[in-house]
């Protein structure tokens, strides 16, 4: 320390400050010395390249673990985008010929079915019309009419949507059914389980209607609509009549042309007054009838 004191007295003020600084450097704590001795972390180019390589590896692993779309799905999407190739004239002619043969076979089968039903008439129960205020004079037989992929075997009764549909005969509900073709439909069997009445394309059923339910002529079964494959047509009732086979299948058996049955149902017998029936049973006299009988005798 003697040499420091001598240096301070001999040197100017600037040297004194330098000496103080040197003195303080000797007084730094050991812990501070160790801490100051630790070099600061520096990021070298090699370290940056290493981090980038690690990130690439992580991204590749995530891509491998991600689920890939099935090959069939990819193929289906690709095929859907491609338009169908047009048929050659020869192939188109062959397709039309095959369709004509199929339609001809369907028509022939329907004609045989119609001839069999005419040769062996189905005994119909007393019937009402399935829709109120029907004009049967505007109807025609549609049994053999062509439809897409089949023959009609029924009749379409055009009416506004929501028109009540009525039970044509006394019987029971064999089946309430919904399908892509017939939409909302009803199968009604007569009391003898011989005749099946089929109603299709209903908008909805009557409230509370259920399978096995006993119904009478004129009861409301549902309402006119255009469900099923009739969704792009005007509302109407698809009405068909079928024989019930030995197995009593709810879908019925061979179809019968409903047009004659509707004409017969429209030609209702004259309504008989209940009082006339009672007086006939009691043997009471009818002045008007006696007068007519007397006039007939005088004329003779």
Protein backbone atom coordinates (compact mmCIF):
# COMPACT_ATOMS: atom_id res chain seq x y z
CA UNK A 1 0.00 0.00 0.00
CA UNK A 2 3.05 2.32 0.46
CA UNK A 3 3.68 2.53 -3.25
CA UNK A 4 0.04 3.54 -3.86
CA UNK A 5 0.24 6.41 -1.35
CA UNK A 6 3.48 7.64 -2.87
CA UNK A 7 1.96 7.47 -6.37
CA UNK A 8 -1.15 9.47 -5.26
CA UNK A 9 0.89 12.30 -3.71
CA UNK A 10 3.17 12.59 -6.68
CA UNK A 11 0.58 12.26 -9.46
CA UNK A 12 -2.05 14.73 -10.46
CA UNK A 13 -5.77 14.31 -9.72
CA UNK A 14 -6.46 12.11 -12.76
CA UNK A 15 -3.96 9.59 -11.61
CA UNK A 16 -5.55 9.61 -8.21
CA UNK A 17 -8.87 8.59 -9.74
CA UNK A 18 -7.18 5.77 -11.61
CA UNK A 19 -5.69 4.50 -8.44
CA UNK A 20 -9.04 4.55 -6.69
CA UNK A 21 -10.42 2.46 -9.45
CA UNK A 22 -7.65 -0.09 -9.04
CA UNK A 23 -8.29 -0.16 -5.30
CA UNK A 24 -11.96 -0.87 -5.78
CA UNK A 25 -11.16 -3.74 -8.16
CA UNK A 26 -9.39 -5.48 -5.32
CA UNK A 27 -12.46 -5.09 -3.06
CA UNK A 28 -15.02 -6.92 -5.41
CA UNK A 29 -16.77 -9.79 -3.63
CA UNK A 30 -15.95 -13.38 -4.63
CA UNK A 31 -19.56 -14.10 -5.70
CA UNK A 32 -19.65 -11.00 -7.89
CA UNK A 33 -16.35 -12.03 -9.38
CA UNK A 34 -17.74 -15.45 -10.29
CA UNK A 35 -20.88 -13.92 -11.71
CA UNK A 36 -18.95 -11.44 -13.77
CA UNK A 37 -16.70 -14.20 -14.97
CA UNK A 38 -19.61 -16.05 -16.66
CA UNK A 39 -19.56 -15.10 -20.32
CA UNK A 40 -22.80 -13.91 -21.95
CA UNK A 41 -24.57 -16.40 -24.18
CA UNK A 42 -24.13 -15.70 -27.84
CA UNK A 43 -26.09 -17.28 -30.72
CA UNK A 44 -23.72 -18.51 -33.34
CA UNK A 45 -24.74 -19.27 -36.97
CA UNK A 46 -24.22 -22.96 -36.29
CA UNK A 47 -26.77 -22.85 -33.39
CA UNK A 48 -29.36 -21.05 -35.57
CA UNK A 49 -28.96 -23.70 -38.29
CA UNK A 50 -29.41 -26.46 -35.66
CA UNK A 51 -32.69 -24.91 -34.37
CA UNK A 52 -34.06 -24.59 -37.90
CA UNK A 53 -33.27 -28.23 -38.59
CA UNK A 54 -35.12 -29.28 -35.40
CA UNK A 55 -38.25 -27.31 -36.46
CA UNK A 56 -38.25 -28.99 -39.89
CA UNK A 57 -38.09 -32.41 -38.26
CA UNK A 58 -41.08 -31.55 -36.00
CA UNK A 59 -43.14 -30.33 -38.96
CA UNK A 60 -42.39 -33.50 -40.93
CA UNK A 61 -43.44 -35.70 -37.99
CA UNK A 62 -46.76 -33.79 -37.63
CA UNK A 63 -47.44 -34.16 -41.33
CA UNK A 64 -46.85 -37.92 -41.15
CA UNK A 65 -49.13 -38.33 -38.11
CA UNK A 66 -52.03 -36.35 -39.71
CA UNK A 67 -54.79 -38.65 -41.09
CA UNK A 68 -54.81 -38.93 -44.86
CA UNK A 69 -58.07 -39.19 -46.89
CA UNK A 70 -58.90 -42.67 -48.08
CA UNK A 71 -57.94 -43.46 -51.65
CA UNK A 72 -61.53 -44.43 -52.48
CA UNK A 73 -62.78 -41.02 -51.30
CA UNK A 74 -60.22 -39.22 -53.42
CA UNK A 75 -61.15 -41.31 -56.43
CA UNK A 76 -64.87 -40.68 -55.89
CA UNK A 77 -64.38 -36.92 -55.67
CA UNK A 78 -62.22 -36.99 -58.79
CA UNK A 79 -64.75 -39.10 -60.67
CA UNK A 80 -67.60 -36.80 -59.66
CA UNK A 81 -65.88 -33.84 -61.29
CA UNK A 82 -65.52 -35.62 -64.60
CA UNK A 83 -68.64 -35.42 -66.81
CA UNK A 84 -69.99 -38.65 -68.20
CA UNK A 85 -68.68 -39.45 -71.62
CA UNK A 86 -71.38 -39.21 -74.30
CA UNK A 87 -72.58 -42.50 -75.73
CA UNK A 88 -71.74 -43.38 -79.27
CA UNK A 89 -74.69 -43.50 -81.71
CA UNK A 90 -74.54 -47.29 -81.69
CA UNK A 91 -74.53 -47.51 -77.87
CA UNK A 92 -77.38 -44.97 -77.60
CA UNK A 93 -79.48 -46.96 -80.08
CA UNK A 94 -78.82 -50.17 -78.14
CA UNK A 95 -79.87 -48.47 -74.88
CA UNK A 96 -83.12 -47.23 -76.43
CA UNK A 97 -83.86 -50.68 -77.82
CA UNK A 98 -83.31 -52.29 -74.40
CA UNK A 99 -85.59 -49.74 -72.75
CA UNK A 100 -88.29 -50.36 -75.37
CA UNK A 101 -88.08 -54.13 -74.79
CA UNK A 102 -88.37 -53.65 -71.05
CA UNK A 103 -91.39 -51.36 -71.39
CA UNK A 104 -93.02 -53.78 -73.82
CA UNK A 105 -92.57 -56.64 -71.36
CA UNK A 106 -94.08 -54.56 -68.54
CA UNK A 107 -97.05 -53.60 -70.71
CA UNK A 108 -97.62 -57.24 -71.70
CA UNK A 109 -97.58 -58.33 -68.04
CA UNK A 110 -100.07 -55.60 -67.12
CA UNK A 111 -102.37 -56.60 -69.99
CA UNK A 112 -102.33 -60.23 -68.86
CA UNK A 113 -103.15 -59.10 -65.33
CA UNK A 114 -106.03 -57.00 -66.64
CA UNK A 115 -107.41 -59.83 -68.78
CA UNK A 116 -107.24 -62.23 -65.84
CA UNK A 117 -109.12 -59.78 -63.63
CA UNK A 118 -111.81 -59.36 -66.29
CA UNK A 119 -112.11 -63.13 -66.76
CA UNK A 120 -112.32 -63.66 -63.01
CA UNK A 121 -114.10 -60.54 -61.69
CA UNK A 122 -113.34 -59.51 -58.14
CA UNK A 123 -116.42 -59.35 -55.95
CA UNK A 124 -116.46 -55.79 -54.75
CA UNK A 125 -117.98 -54.71 -51.45
CA UNK A 126 -120.42 -51.75 -51.42
CA UNK A 127 -118.27 -48.74 -52.25
CA UNK A 128 -118.18 -44.99 -51.89
CA UNK A 129 -115.96 -42.63 -53.85
CA UNK A 130 -112.57 -41.96 -52.22
CA UNK A 131 -112.97 -38.19 -52.66
CA UNK A 132 -116.06 -36.06 -52.16
CA UNK A 133 -117.48 -34.11 -55.12
CA UNK A 134 -115.67 -36.21 -57.72
CA UNK A 135 -116.76 -35.90 -61.32
CA UNK A 136 -116.31 -39.43 -62.66
CA UNK A 137 -117.23 -38.26 -66.15
CA UNK A 138 -113.80 -36.65 -66.37
CA UNK A 139 -112.02 -39.87 -65.47
CA UNK A 140 -110.57 -42.52 -67.74
CA UNK A 141 -108.80 -45.81 -67.24
CA UNK A 142 -105.11 -45.31 -66.49
CA UNK A 143 -104.34 -48.93 -65.67
CA UNK A 144 -101.99 -49.49 -68.63
CA UNK A 145 -100.44 -46.01 -68.64
CA UNK A 146 -96.66 -45.94 -68.77
CA UNK A 147 -94.66 -44.66 -65.86
CA UNK A 148 -90.91 -44.47 -65.28
CA UNK A 149 -89.82 -48.08 -64.92
CA UNK A 150 -93.31 -49.54 -64.48
CA UNK A 151 -96.95 -49.59 -65.62
CA UNK A 152 -99.38 -47.51 -63.59
CA UNK A 153 -101.95 -50.18 -62.56
CA UNK A 154 -103.94 -47.47 -60.74
CA UNK A 155 -105.71 -44.18 -61.29
CA UNK A 156 -104.65 -40.65 -60.30
CA UNK A 157 -107.41 -38.46 -58.90
CA UNK A 158 -106.42 -34.81 -59.08
CA UNK A 159 -107.62 -32.69 -56.17
CA UNK A 160 -106.26 -29.68 -54.23
CA UNK A 161 -103.82 -30.33 -51.44
CA UNK A 162 -105.57 -31.01 -48.15
CA UNK A 163 -108.74 -32.50 -49.66
CA UNK A 164 -110.08 -35.21 -47.29
CA UNK A 165 -109.55 -38.79 -48.46
CA UNK A 166 -112.35 -41.19 -47.55
CA UNK A 167 -112.62 -44.90 -46.87
CA UNK A 168 -114.33 -46.44 -49.91
CA UNK A 169 -115.57 -49.50 -48.02
CA UNK A 170 -116.15 -50.87 -44.54
CA UNK A 171 -113.06 -52.66 -43.30
CA UNK A 172 -109.86 -52.20 -41.33
CA UNK A 173 -106.49 -50.52 -41.78
CA UNK A 174 -104.07 -53.25 -42.80
CA UNK A 175 -100.99 -51.05 -43.00
CA UNK A 176 -99.80 -47.44 -42.71
CA UNK A 177 -96.71 -47.21 -44.86
CA UNK A 178 -94.14 -44.65 -45.99
CA UNK A 179 -91.84 -45.17 -48.97
CA UNK A 180 -89.82 -43.27 -51.56
CA UNK A 181 -92.34 -44.14 -54.29
CA UNK A 182 -95.76 -43.97 -52.64
CA UNK A 183 -94.85 -41.50 -49.92
CA UNK A 184 -97.42 -41.52 -47.12
CA UNK A 185 -99.85 -44.34 -47.94
CA UNK A 186 -102.69 -46.46 -46.55
CA UNK A 187 -103.69 -50.09 -47.21
CA UNK A 188 -107.36 -50.72 -46.42
CA UNK A 189 -108.83 -54.26 -46.40
CA UNK A 190 -112.55 -54.90 -46.73
CA UNK A 191 -114.36 -56.87 -44.01
CA UNK A 192 -113.93 -60.16 -45.91
CA UNK A 193 -110.19 -59.66 -46.44
CA UNK A 194 -110.70 -60.15 -50.17
CA UNK A 195 -110.07 -56.65 -51.51
CA UNK A 196 -107.19 -54.28 -50.77
CA UNK A 197 -107.64 -50.55 -51.43
CA UNK A 198 -104.36 -48.66 -51.77
CA UNK A 199 -104.09 -44.88 -51.20
CA UNK A 200 -100.75 -43.15 -51.94
CA UNK A 201 -99.06 -39.72 -51.99
CA UNK A 202 -101.03 -38.47 -48.94
CA UNK A 203 -99.99 -35.19 -47.36
CA UNK A 204 -100.66 -36.58 -43.87
CA UNK A 205 -102.88 -39.07 -42.05
CA UNK A 206 -106.09 -38.26 -40.27
CA UNK A 207 -105.62 -37.64 -36.55
CA UNK A 208 -105.52 -40.86 -34.56
CA UNK A 209 -105.43 -43.22 -37.58
CA UNK A 210 -103.63 -46.45 -36.74
CA UNK A 211 -103.09 -49.96 -38.05
CA UNK A 212 -105.85 -52.43 -37.23
CA UNK A 213 -108.41 -49.67 -36.82
CA UNK A 214 -111.96 -50.47 -37.94
CA UNK A 215 -113.32 -47.91 -40.42
CA UNK A 216 -116.62 -47.35 -42.18
CA UNK A 217 -117.41 -45.99 -45.59
CA UNK A 218 -116.89 -42.25 -45.66
CA UNK A 219 -114.46 -42.10 -42.72
CA UNK A 220 -111.55 -39.71 -43.30
CA UNK A 221 -108.24 -41.55 -43.68
CA UNK A 222 -105.98 -38.66 -44.62
CA UNK A 223 -105.54 -35.71 -46.93
CA UNK A 224 -104.44 -35.26 -50.55
CA UNK A 225 -100.77 -34.40 -51.10
CA UNK A 226 -97.84 -35.16 -53.37
CA UNK A 227 -95.38 -37.10 -51.20
CA UNK A 228 -93.05 -39.81 -52.49
CA UNK A 229 -92.07 -39.69 -56.14
CA UNK A 230 -94.97 -37.27 -56.80
CA UNK A 231 -93.22 -34.35 -55.08
CA UNK A 232 -92.71 -32.58 -58.43
CA UNK A 233 -96.30 -33.09 -59.62
CA UNK A 234 -99.62 -31.51 -58.74
CA UNK A 235 -101.34 -32.88 -55.59
CA UNK A 236 -103.40 -35.99 -56.29
CA UNK A 237 -104.54 -39.30 -54.87
CA UNK A 238 -103.01 -42.46 -56.33
CA UNK A 239 -105.82 -45.01 -55.91
CA UNK A 240 -105.45 -48.73 -56.64
CA UNK A 241 -107.45 -51.90 -56.01
CA UNK A 242 -105.79 -55.28 -55.47
CA UNK A 243 -106.83 -58.82 -54.68
CA UNK A 244 -105.82 -60.09 -51.28
CA UNK A 245 -103.83 -63.28 -51.66
CA UNK A 246 -104.03 -66.43 -49.54
CA UNK A 247 -101.13 -65.17 -47.42
CA UNK A 248 -103.12 -62.02 -46.50
CA UNK A 249 -100.09 -59.85 -47.26
CA UNK A 250 -100.84 -56.22 -46.44
CA UNK A 251 -99.46 -55.10 -49.82
CA UNK A 252 -102.13 -57.12 -51.64
CA UNK A 253 -101.76 -59.23 -54.77
CA UNK A 254 -102.63 -58.75 -58.45
CA UNK A 255 -104.07 -55.35 -59.30
CA UNK A 256 -107.54 -54.65 -60.69
CA UNK A 257 -108.49 -51.66 -62.82
CA UNK A 258 -110.17 -49.24 -60.35
CA UNK A 259 -111.93 -47.22 -63.06
CA UNK A 260 -115.02 -49.50 -63.43
CA UNK A 261 -115.34 -49.71 -59.64
CA UNK A 262 -115.37 -45.92 -59.36
CA UNK A 263 -118.05 -45.66 -62.05
CA UNK A 264 -120.16 -48.20 -60.16
CA UNK A 265 -119.64 -46.33 -56.90
CA UNK A 266 -120.75 -43.07 -58.54
CA UNK A 267 -123.98 -44.68 -59.78
CA UNK A 268 -125.51 -44.82 -56.31
CA UNK A 269 -128.99 -46.35 -55.89
CA UNK A 270 -131.77 -43.90 -54.98
CA UNK A 271 -131.80 -43.02 -51.33
CA UNK A 272 -134.65 -44.75 -49.45
CA UNK A 273 -136.33 -42.79 -46.68
CA UNK A 274 -136.14 -44.52 -43.29
CA UNK A 275 -139.87 -43.83 -42.67
CA UNK A 276 -140.80 -45.64 -45.88
CA UNK A 277 -138.81 -48.72 -44.81
CA UNK A 278 -140.47 -48.77 -41.38
CA UNK A 279 -143.97 -48.36 -42.82
CA UNK A 280 -143.32 -51.17 -45.29
CA UNK A 281 -142.32 -53.47 -42.48
CA UNK A 282 -145.46 -52.51 -40.50
CA UNK A 283 -147.75 -52.93 -43.51
CA UNK A 284 -148.95 -49.32 -43.39
CA UNK A 285 -150.53 -47.76 -46.48
CA UNK A 286 -148.88 -45.16 -48.73
CA UNK A 287 -151.44 -42.78 -50.29
CA UNK A 288 -149.10 -41.69 -53.08
CA UNK A 289 -148.18 -45.26 -53.98
CA UNK A 290 -151.84 -46.36 -53.93
CA UNK A 291 -152.77 -43.47 -56.23
CA UNK A 292 -150.10 -44.46 -58.75
CA UNK A 293 -151.16 -48.10 -58.63
CA UNK A 294 -154.78 -47.07 -59.22
CA UNK A 295 -153.77 -44.93 -62.22
CA UNK A 296 -151.81 -47.83 -63.67
CA UNK A 297 -154.82 -50.13 -63.37
CA UNK A 298 -157.11 -47.56 -65.02
CA UNK A 299 -154.63 -47.17 -67.85
CA UNK A 300 -154.62 -50.90 -68.46
